Amino acid sequence: MKLFGTRVHNAVIVIAASAVMAVASTGIAQAGASPFSYGVEGDPAASWRTEHDGDGNGRLDTNAGLALAGLAGAALSSQQVAKRDVFAKQTGRSVAALSGPWHLVNIHSEKCLTVSGASTANNAGAVQYTCDFLSPHNEDWYLEDVYGSGDYWHIINAHSGKCLTVSGASLANNAGAVQYTCDLSFPYNEEWVLENVSGPRASWHVSNAHSGKCLTVFGASLANNAGAVQYTCDYSLPYNEEWAIRY
């Protein structure tokens, strides 16, 4: 298992305590003694990673990552499995690394994350819109376990095949979420961490691995086509930083 895989440079990893984990037949990890903790030199999000590792939030600790991997494989319907298999074949991705398709539904607005105008272009903005299951399925997203650890995810639009990312790799609040051709290169702004914030598979923070900020809807808007942006994570009303992952 990789804590960071090949994506981290100049990393200093410290094992705080041995973690004993068992994976049930569903693929969902059982709680271990203690997660790993680590520090990273020269990484823009190092302070965020250090702050949140092992504190029960589940953003980056290994146990939570495996639990998310359980979500990835535990509850796909036959329809989802069929769609996933076709998508994997069309895009050359590993079926084992893919979960979905899923809708990412904002807890505050009850609207789905989608790509504006069903665009297939790089830098097309991510917005929220009334959920549907209609062609061209630009409200459908696949979760790709980037390193096989359940810690870092690509969020891939089913229509465009492009990855959710933060425009310009910005670290600023209110920087727009857009789609872009998927890659595995620095500064890893196409990678996301999922944090279960309200019980088993109920709602999630979707935080950018580069900035450490959460995907949210600008201004807590309830309107169609309101833009998706990143913002400092919080746990307060109106919960516009929380997302349901369902289909």
C-alpha atoms as a PDB file:
ATOM      1  CA  MET A   1       0.000   0.000   0.000  1.00  0.00           C
ATOM      2  CA  LYS A   2       1.177   3.498  -0.823  1.00  0.00           C
ATOM      3  CA  LEU A   3       0.666   6.392   1.512  1.00  0.00           C
ATOM      4  CA  PHE A   4       1.587   8.747  -1.284  1.00  0.00           C
ATOM      5  CA  GLY A   5       2.762   6.511  -4.097  1.00  0.00           C
ATOM      6  CA  THR A   6       5.168   8.196  -6.485  1.00  0.00           C
ATOM      7  CA  ARG A   7       3.418  11.539  -6.146  1.00  0.00           C
ATOM      8  CA  VAL A   8       5.353  12.852  -3.115  1.00  0.00           C
ATOM      9  CA  HIS A   9       8.851  14.217  -3.252  1.00  0.00           C
ATOM     10  CA  ASN A  10      11.159  14.771  -0.269  1.00  0.00           C
ATOM     11  CA  ALA A  11       8.732  12.971   2.012  1.00  0.00           C
ATOM     12  CA  VAL A  12       9.551  12.086   5.579  1.00  0.00           C
ATOM     13  CA  ILE A  13       7.197   9.359   6.762  1.00  0.00           C
ATOM     14  CA  VAL A  14       6.835   8.573  10.447  1.00  0.00           C
ATOM     15  CA  ILE A  15       4.843   5.601  11.646  1.00  0.00           C
ATOM     16  CA  ALA A  16       3.097   6.825  14.768  1.00  0.00           C
ATOM     17  CA  ALA A  17       1.977   3.373  15.834  1.00  0.00           C
ATOM     18  CA  SER A  18       1.450   0.081  14.139  1.00  0.00           C
ATOM     19  CA  ALA A  19      -1.963  -0.151  12.517  1.00  0.00           C
ATOM     20  CA  VAL A  20      -3.579  -3.529  12.376  1.00  0.00           C
ATOM     21  CA  MET A  21      -6.318  -3.679   9.767  1.00  0.00           C
ATOM     22  CA  ALA A  22      -8.585  -6.396   8.501  1.00  0.00           C
ATOM     23  CA  VAL A  23     -10.650  -6.105   5.373  1.00  0.00           C
ATOM     24  CA  ALA A  24     -14.052  -7.756   5.493  1.00  0.00           C
ATOM     25  CA  SER A  25     -15.483  -9.668   2.580  1.00  0.00           C
ATOM     26  CA  THR A  26     -17.258  -6.486   1.477  1.00  0.00           C
ATOM     27  CA  GLY A  27     -13.881  -4.810   1.054  1.00  0.00           C
ATOM     28  CA  ILE A  28     -14.587  -2.306   3.846  1.00  0.00           C
ATOM     29  CA  ALA A  29     -11.714  -1.937   6.275  1.00  0.00           C
ATOM     30  CA  GLN A  30     -12.223  -2.563   9.948  1.00  0.00           C
ATOM     31  CA  ALA A  31     -10.832  -0.045  12.422  1.00  0.00           C
ATOM     32  CA  GLY A  32      -7.190  -0.549  13.325  1.00  0.00           C
ATOM     33  CA  ALA A  33      -5.136   0.531  16.300  1.00  0.00           C
ATOM     34  CA  SER A  34      -3.820   3.763  14.846  1.00  0.00           C
ATOM     35  CA  PRO A  35      -3.396   5.432  11.478  1.00  0.00           C
ATOM     36  CA  PHE A  36      -0.065   6.497  10.056  1.00  0.00           C
ATOM     37  CA  SER A  37       1.157  10.049  10.457  1.00  0.00           C
ATOM     38  CA  TYR A  38       3.726  11.855   8.386  1.00  0.00           C
ATOM     39  CA  GLY A  39       5.256  15.163   7.459  1.00  0.00           C
ATOM     40  CA  VAL A  40       6.136  16.430   4.010  1.00  0.00           C
ATOM     41  CA  GLU A  41       8.815  18.943   3.135  1.00  0.00           C
ATOM     42  CA  GLY A  42       8.262  21.413   0.337  1.00  0.00           C
ATOM     43  CA  ASP A  43       4.599  20.573  -0.170  1.00  0.00           C
ATOM     44  CA  PRO A  44       2.038  23.435  -0.322  1.00  0.00           C
ATOM     45  CA  ALA A  45      -0.513  21.412   1.607  1.00  0.00           C
ATOM     46  CA  ALA A  46       1.893  19.939   4.158  1.00  0.00           C
ATOM     47  CA  SER A  47       0.479  21.850   7.112  1.00  0.00           C
ATOM     48  CA  TRP A  48      -3.044  20.819   6.154  1.00  0.00           C
ATOM     49  CA  ARG A  49      -2.043  17.186   5.779  1.00  0.00           C
ATOM     50  CA  THR A  50      -0.217  17.170   9.110  1.00  0.00           C
ATOM     51  CA  GLU A  51      -3.092  18.905  10.858  1.00  0.00           C
ATOM     52  CA  HIS A  52      -5.716  16.457   9.689  1.00  0.00           C
ATOM     53  CA  ASP A  53      -3.848  13.164   9.688  1.00  0.00           C
ATOM     54  CA  GLY A  54      -4.983  10.793  12.397  1.00  0.00           C
ATOM     55  CA  ASP A  55      -7.439  13.170  14.061  1.00  0.00           C
ATOM     56  CA  GLY A  56     -10.573  11.201  13.288  1.00  0.00           C
ATOM     57  CA  ASN A  57     -11.588  13.215  10.238  1.00  0.00           C
ATOM     58  CA  GLY A  58     -10.692  10.371   7.922  1.00  0.00           C
ATOM     59  CA  ARG A  59      -9.206  12.556   5.183  1.00  0.00           C
ATOM     60  CA  LEU A  60      -5.836  10.909   4.901  1.00  0.00           C
ATOM     61  CA  ASP A  61      -5.554   8.133   7.446  1.00  0.00           C
ATOM     62  CA  THR A  62      -5.117   4.706   5.993  1.00  0.00           C
ATOM     63  CA  ASN A  63      -8.122   3.088   7.673  1.00  0.00           C
ATOM     64  CA  ALA A  64     -10.506   5.643   6.227  1.00  0.00           C
ATOM     65  CA  GLY A  65      -8.917   5.258   2.828  1.00  0.00           C
ATOM     66  CA  LEU A  66      -9.661   1.559   2.838  1.00  0.00           C
ATOM     67  CA  ALA A  67     -13.205   2.219   3.991  1.00  0.00           C
ATOM     68  CA  LEU A  68     -13.644   4.451   0.969  1.00  0.00           C
ATOM     69  CA  ALA A  69     -12.284   1.701  -1.205  1.00  0.00           C
ATOM     70  CA  GLY A  70     -15.078  -0.365   0.288  1.00  0.00           C
ATOM     71  CA  LEU A  71     -17.582   2.233  -0.864  1.00  0.00           C
ATOM     72  CA  ALA A  72     -15.997   2.005  -4.278  1.00  0.00           C
ATOM     73  CA  GLY A  73     -16.795  -1.657  -4.698  1.00  0.00           C
ATOM     74  CA  ALA A  74     -19.483  -2.607  -2.236  1.00  0.00           C
ATOM     75  CA  ALA A  75     -22.745  -1.281  -3.619  1.00  0.00           C
ATOM     76  CA  LEU A  76     -22.674  -1.002  -7.394  1.00  0.00           C
ATOM     77  CA  SER A  77     -25.890  -2.029  -9.106  1.00  0.00           C
ATOM     78  CA  SER A  78     -25.799  -4.258 -12.169  1.00  0.00           C
ATOM     79  CA  GLN A  79     -26.526  -1.151 -14.260  1.00  0.00           C
ATOM     80  CA  GLN A  80     -23.568   0.678 -12.741  1.00  0.00           C
ATOM     81  CA  VAL A  81     -21.287  -2.304 -13.249  1.00  0.00           C
ATOM     82  CA  ALA A  82     -22.259  -2.515 -16.926  1.00  0.00           C
ATOM     83  CA  LYS A  83     -21.653   1.198 -17.449  1.00  0.00           C
ATOM     84  CA  ARG A  84     -18.364   1.085 -15.548  1.00  0.00           C
ATOM     85  CA  ASP A  85     -17.088  -1.804 -17.624  1.00  0.00           C
ATOM     86  CA  VAL A  86     -17.903  -0.009 -20.889  1.00  0.00           C
ATOM     87  CA  PHE A  87     -16.274   3.202 -19.647  1.00  0.00           C
ATOM     88  CA  ALA A  88     -13.141   1.340 -18.567  1.00  0.00           C
ATOM     89  CA  LYS A  89     -12.842  -0.303 -21.981  1.00  0.00           C
ATOM     90  CA  GLN A  90     -13.414   2.983 -23.840  1.00  0.00           C
ATOM     91  CA  THR A  91     -10.862   4.903 -21.773  1.00  0.00           C
ATOM     92  CA  GLY A  92      -8.291   2.175 -21.166  1.00  0.00           C
ATOM     93  CA  ARG A  93      -8.716   2.338 -17.390  1.00  0.00           C
ATOM     94  CA  SER A  94      -8.539  -0.515 -14.924  1.00  0.00           C
ATOM     95  CA  VAL A  95     -11.949  -1.847 -13.919  1.00  0.00           C
ATOM     96  CA  ALA A  96     -10.533  -2.647 -10.483  1.00  0.00           C
ATOM     97  CA  ALA A  97      -9.652   1.027  -9.890  1.00  0.00           C
ATOM     98  CA  LEU A  98     -13.014   2.428 -11.032  1.00  0.00           C
ATOM     99  CA  SER A  99     -16.242   2.901  -9.106  1.00  0.00           C
ATOM    100  CA  GLY A 100     -19.455   4.278 -10.497  1.00  0.00           C
ATOM    101  CA  PRO A 101     -21.042   5.975 -12.181  1.00  0.00           C
ATOM    102  CA  TRP A 102     -22.138   8.124  -9.257  1.00  0.00           C
ATOM    103  CA  HIS A 103     -24.021  11.354  -8.795  1.00  0.00           C
ATOM    104  CA  LEU A 104     -22.351  13.876  -6.469  1.00  0.00           C
ATOM    105  CA  VAL A 105     -25.335  15.590  -4.871  1.00  0.00           C
ATOM    106  CA  ASN A 106     -24.892  18.774  -2.862  1.00  0.00           C
ATOM    107  CA  ILE A 107     -26.448  18.327   0.580  1.00  0.00           C
ATOM    108  CA  HIS A 108     -27.641  21.943   0.742  1.00  0.00           C
ATOM    109  CA  SER A 109     -29.147  22.350  -2.731  1.00  0.00           C
ATOM    110  CA  GLU A 110     -29.917  18.698  -3.581  1.00  0.00           C
ATOM    111  CA  LYS A 111     -28.528  19.407  -7.052  1.00  0.00           C
ATOM    112  CA  CYS A 112     -25.945  17.351  -8.912  1.00  0.00           C
ATOM    113  CA  LEU A 113     -22.396  18.255  -9.828  1.00  0.00           C
ATOM    114  CA  THR A 114     -22.123  18.440 -13.600  1.00  0.00           C
ATOM    115  CA  VAL A 115     -20.130  20.081 -16.401  1.00  0.00           C
ATOM    116  CA  SER A 116     -21.591  23.306 -17.749  1.00  0.00           C
ATOM    117  CA  GLY A 117     -23.277  22.842 -21.105  1.00  0.00           C
ATOM    118  CA  ALA A 118     -22.195  19.180 -21.247  1.00  0.00           C
ATOM    119  CA  SER A 119     -18.898  20.505 -22.592  1.00  0.00           C
ATOM    120  CA  THR A 120     -16.079  18.136 -23.463  1.00  0.00           C
ATOM    121  CA  ALA A 121     -13.474  20.939 -23.501  1.00  0.00           C
ATOM    122  CA  ASN A 122     -10.626  21.470 -21.065  1.00  0.00           C
ATOM    123  CA  ASN A 123     -11.346  24.150 -18.452  1.00  0.00           C
ATOM    124  CA  ALA A 124     -15.118  23.859 -18.822  1.00  0.00           C
ATOM    125  CA  GLY A 125     -16.615  24.821 -15.475  1.00  0.00           C
ATOM    126  CA  ALA A 126     -18.218  22.459 -13.010  1.00  0.00           C
ATOM    127  CA  VAL A 127     -21.644  23.606 -11.849  1.00  0.00           C
ATOM    128  CA  GLN A 128     -24.658  22.220 -10.047  1.00  0.00           C
ATOM    129  CA  TYR A 129     -27.870  21.301 -11.833  1.00  0.00           C
ATOM    130  CA  THR A 130     -31.104  19.416 -11.189  1.00  0.00           C
ATOM    131  CA  CYS A 131     -30.199  15.740 -11.172  1.00  0.00           C
ATOM    132  CA  ASP A 132     -31.203  13.480 -14.033  1.00  0.00           C
ATOM    133  CA  PHE A 133     -30.150  10.228 -15.661  1.00  0.00           C
ATOM    134  CA  LEU A 134     -30.421  11.408 -19.261  1.00  0.00           C
ATOM    135  CA  SER A 135     -27.945  11.437 -22.133  1.00  0.00           C
ATOM    136  CA  PRO A 136     -25.244  12.730 -22.452  1.00  0.00           C
ATOM    137  CA  HIS A 137     -24.799  11.747 -18.781  1.00  0.00           C
ATOM    138  CA  ASN A 138     -22.647  14.739 -17.894  1.00  0.00           C
ATOM    139  CA  GLU A 139     -23.953  14.462 -14.331  1.00  0.00           C
ATOM    140  CA  ASP A 140     -22.387  11.029 -13.997  1.00  0.00           C
ATOM    141  CA  TRP A 141     -18.922  10.685 -12.457  1.00  0.00           C
ATOM    142  CA  TYR A 142     -16.505   7.836 -11.914  1.00  0.00           C
ATOM    143  CA  LEU A 143     -14.210   7.588  -8.906  1.00  0.00           C
ATOM    144  CA  GLU A 144     -10.775   6.259  -9.820  1.00  0.00           C
ATOM    145  CA  ASP A 145      -8.530   5.020  -7.021  1.00  0.00           C
ATOM    146  CA  VAL A 146      -5.325   6.652  -8.259  1.00  0.00           C
ATOM    147  CA  TYR A 147      -2.747   4.648  -6.313  1.00  0.00           C
ATOM    148  CA  GLY A 148      -4.798   1.655  -5.192  1.00  0.00           C
ATOM    149  CA  SER A 149      -4.726   2.769  -1.545  1.00  0.00           C
ATOM    150  CA  GLY A 150      -8.176   4.341  -1.319  1.00  0.00           C
ATOM    151  CA  ASP A 151      -6.630   7.665  -0.291  1.00  0.00           C
ATOM    152  CA  TYR A 152      -6.508   9.734  -3.500  1.00  0.00           C
ATOM    153  CA  TRP A 153      -9.168   9.798  -6.179  1.00  0.00           C
ATOM    154  CA  HIS A 154      -9.672  11.084  -9.679  1.00  0.00           C
ATOM    155  CA  ILE A 155     -13.264  12.230 -10.223  1.00  0.00           C
ATOM    156  CA  ILE A 156     -13.893  11.615 -13.913  1.00  0.00           C
ATOM    157  CA  ASN A 157     -16.843  12.913 -15.893  1.00  0.00           C
ATOM    158  CA  ALA A 158     -18.623  10.099 -17.720  1.00  0.00           C
ATOM    159  CA  HIS A 159     -19.437  12.260 -20.755  1.00  0.00           C
ATOM    160  CA  SER A 160     -16.126  14.025 -21.348  1.00  0.00           C
ATOM    161  CA  GLY A 161     -13.729  11.529 -19.774  1.00  0.00           C
ATOM    162  CA  LYS A 162     -11.936  14.463 -18.134  1.00  0.00           C
ATOM    163  CA  CYS A 163     -10.964  14.907 -14.492  1.00  0.00           C
ATOM    164  CA  LEU A 164     -12.405  17.336 -11.977  1.00  0.00           C
ATOM    165  CA  THR A 165      -9.671  19.759 -10.946  1.00  0.00           C
ATOM    166  CA  VAL A 166      -9.104  23.281  -9.619  1.00  0.00           C
ATOM    167  CA  SER A 167      -8.526  25.954 -12.231  1.00  0.00           C
ATOM    168  CA  GLY A 168      -4.888  26.965 -12.466  1.00  0.00           C
ATOM    169  CA  ALA A 169      -3.952  24.744  -9.519  1.00  0.00           C
ATOM    170  CA  SER A 170      -5.052  27.646  -7.338  1.00  0.00           C
ATOM    171  CA  LEU A 171      -4.754  27.568  -3.562  1.00  0.00           C
ATOM    172  CA  ALA A 172      -7.271  30.404  -3.134  1.00  0.00           C
ATOM    173  CA  ASN A 173     -10.787  30.304  -1.762  1.00  0.00           C
ATOM    174  CA  ASN A 174     -13.468  30.495  -4.462  1.00  0.00           C
ATOM    175  CA  ALA A 175     -11.151  29.216  -7.203  1.00  0.00           C
ATOM    176  CA  GLY A 176     -13.341  27.485  -9.747  1.00  0.00           C
ATOM    177  CA  ALA A 177     -13.640  23.745 -10.215  1.00  0.00           C
ATOM    178  CA  VAL A 178     -13.224  22.737 -13.860  1.00  0.00           C
ATOM    179  CA  GLN A 179     -12.569  19.625 -15.909  1.00  0.00           C
ATOM    180  CA  TYR A 180      -9.229  18.886 -17.537  1.00  0.00           C
ATOM    181  CA  THR A 181      -7.431  16.006 -19.200  1.00  0.00           C
ATOM    182  CA  CYS A 182      -6.451  13.608 -16.423  1.00  0.00           C
ATOM    183  CA  ASP A 183      -2.811  13.302 -15.435  1.00  0.00           C
ATOM    184  CA  LEU A 184      -0.638  12.163 -12.549  1.00  0.00           C
ATOM    185  CA  SER A 185       1.759  15.077 -12.434  1.00  0.00           C
ATOM    186  CA  PHE A 186       2.687  17.773  -9.927  1.00  0.00           C
ATOM    187  CA  PRO A 187       0.976  19.679  -8.294  1.00  0.00           C
ATOM    188  CA  TYR A 188      -1.674  16.925  -8.195  1.00  0.00           C
ATOM    189  CA  ASN A 189      -4.633  19.312  -8.290  1.00  0.00           C
ATOM    190  CA  GLU A 190      -6.620  16.635 -10.112  1.00  0.00           C
ATOM    191  CA  GLU A 191      -6.535  14.419  -7.049  1.00  0.00           C
ATOM    192  CA  TRP A 192      -9.183  14.502  -4.328  1.00  0.00           C
ATOM    193  CA  VAL A 193      -9.594  13.125  -0.829  1.00  0.00           C
ATOM    194  CA  LEU A 194     -12.987  11.921   0.401  1.00  0.00           C
ATOM    195  CA  GLU A 195     -13.920  12.381   4.039  1.00  0.00           C
ATOM    196  CA  ASN A 196     -17.033  10.790   5.503  1.00  0.00           C
ATOM    197  CA  VAL A 197     -18.473  13.553   7.671  1.00  0.00           C
ATOM    198  CA  SER A 198     -21.835  12.191   8.808  1.00  0.00           C
ATOM    199  CA  GLY A 199     -21.936   8.461   9.220  1.00  0.00           C
ATOM    200  CA  PRO A 200     -21.800   5.488   6.867  1.00  0.00           C
ATOM    201  CA  ARG A 201     -21.902   6.771   3.290  1.00  0.00           C
ATOM    202  CA  ALA A 202     -24.225   9.643   4.203  1.00  0.00           C
ATOM    203  CA  SER A 203     -22.286  12.752   3.186  1.00  0.00           C
ATOM    204  CA  TRP A 204     -18.715  13.563   2.278  1.00  0.00           C
ATOM    205  CA  HIS A 205     -16.228  16.382   2.094  1.00  0.00           C
ATOM    206  CA  VAL A 206     -14.449  16.290  -1.257  1.00  0.00           C
ATOM    207  CA  SER A 207     -11.157  18.063  -0.665  1.00  0.00           C
ATOM    208  CA  ASN A 208      -8.477  18.885  -3.179  1.00  0.00           C
ATOM    209  CA  ALA A 209      -5.180  17.107  -2.533  1.00  0.00           C
ATOM    210  CA  HIS A 210      -3.151  20.146  -3.630  1.00  0.00           C
ATOM    211  CA  SER A 211      -4.966  22.959  -1.832  1.00  0.00           C
ATOM    212  CA  GLY A 212      -6.584  21.072   1.036  1.00  0.00           C
ATOM    213  CA  LYS A 213      -9.789  23.005   0.369  1.00  0.00           C
ATOM    214  CA  CYS A 214     -13.267  21.537  -0.023  1.00  0.00           C
ATOM    215  CA  LEU A 215     -15.443  21.375  -3.098  1.00  0.00           C
ATOM    216  CA  THR A 216     -18.517  23.526  -2.517  1.00  0.00           C
ATOM    217  CA  VAL A 217     -21.139  25.621  -4.328  1.00  0.00           C
ATOM    218  CA  PHE A 218     -20.348  29.303  -4.634  1.00  0.00           C
ATOM    219  CA  GLY A 219     -22.351  31.421  -2.211  1.00  0.00           C
ATOM    220  CA  ALA A 220     -24.312  28.381  -1.005  1.00  0.00           C
ATOM    221  CA  SER A 221     -26.548  28.954  -4.020  1.00  0.00           C
ATOM    222  CA  LEU A 222     -29.624  26.828  -4.659  1.00  0.00           C
ATOM    223  CA  ALA A 223     -29.778  27.811  -8.324  1.00  0.00           C
ATOM    224  CA  ASN A 224     -29.085  25.713 -11.387  1.00  0.00           C
ATOM    225  CA  ASN A 225     -25.736  26.516 -13.019  1.00  0.00           C
ATOM    226  CA  ALA A 226     -24.243  27.922  -9.804  1.00  0.00           C
ATOM    227  CA  GLY A 227     -20.517  27.339  -9.991  1.00  0.00           C
ATOM    228  CA  ALA A 228     -18.590  24.727  -8.034  1.00  0.00           C
ATOM    229  CA  VAL A 229     -15.547  26.195  -6.266  1.00  0.00           C
ATOM    230  CA  GLN A 230     -13.096  25.277  -3.527  1.00  0.00           C
ATOM    231  CA  TYR A 231     -13.235  26.819  -0.071  1.00  0.00           C
ATOM    232  CA  THR A 232     -11.739  26.263   3.370  1.00  0.00           C
ATOM    233  CA  CYS A 233     -13.445  23.187   4.790  1.00  0.00           C
ATOM    234  CA  ASP A 234     -15.937  23.569   7.620  1.00  0.00           C
ATOM    235  CA  TYR A 235     -18.721  21.587   9.254  1.00  0.00           C
ATOM    236  CA  SER A 236     -21.348  24.306   9.665  1.00  0.00           C
ATOM    237  CA  LEU A 237     -24.700  25.270   8.165  1.00  0.00           C
ATOM    238  CA  PRO A 238     -25.832  25.320   5.408  1.00  0.00           C
ATOM    239  CA  TYR A 239     -23.561  22.324   4.684  1.00  0.00           C
ATOM    240  CA  ASN A 240     -22.911  23.350   1.092  1.00  0.00           C
ATOM    241  CA  GLU A 241     -19.473  21.722   1.388  1.00  0.00           C
ATOM    242  CA  GLU A 242     -21.042  18.326   1.896  1.00  0.00           C
ATOM    243  CA  TRP A 243     -21.936  15.913  -0.901  1.00  0.00           C
ATOM    244  CA  ALA A 244     -23.897  12.693  -1.109  1.00  0.00           C
ATOM    245  CA  ILE A 245     -22.441  10.015  -3.379  1.00  0.00           C
ATOM    246  CA  ARG A 246     -25.345   8.050  -4.778  1.00  0.00           C
ATOM    247  CA  TYR A 247     -27.038   6.818  -7.949  1.00  0.00           C
END
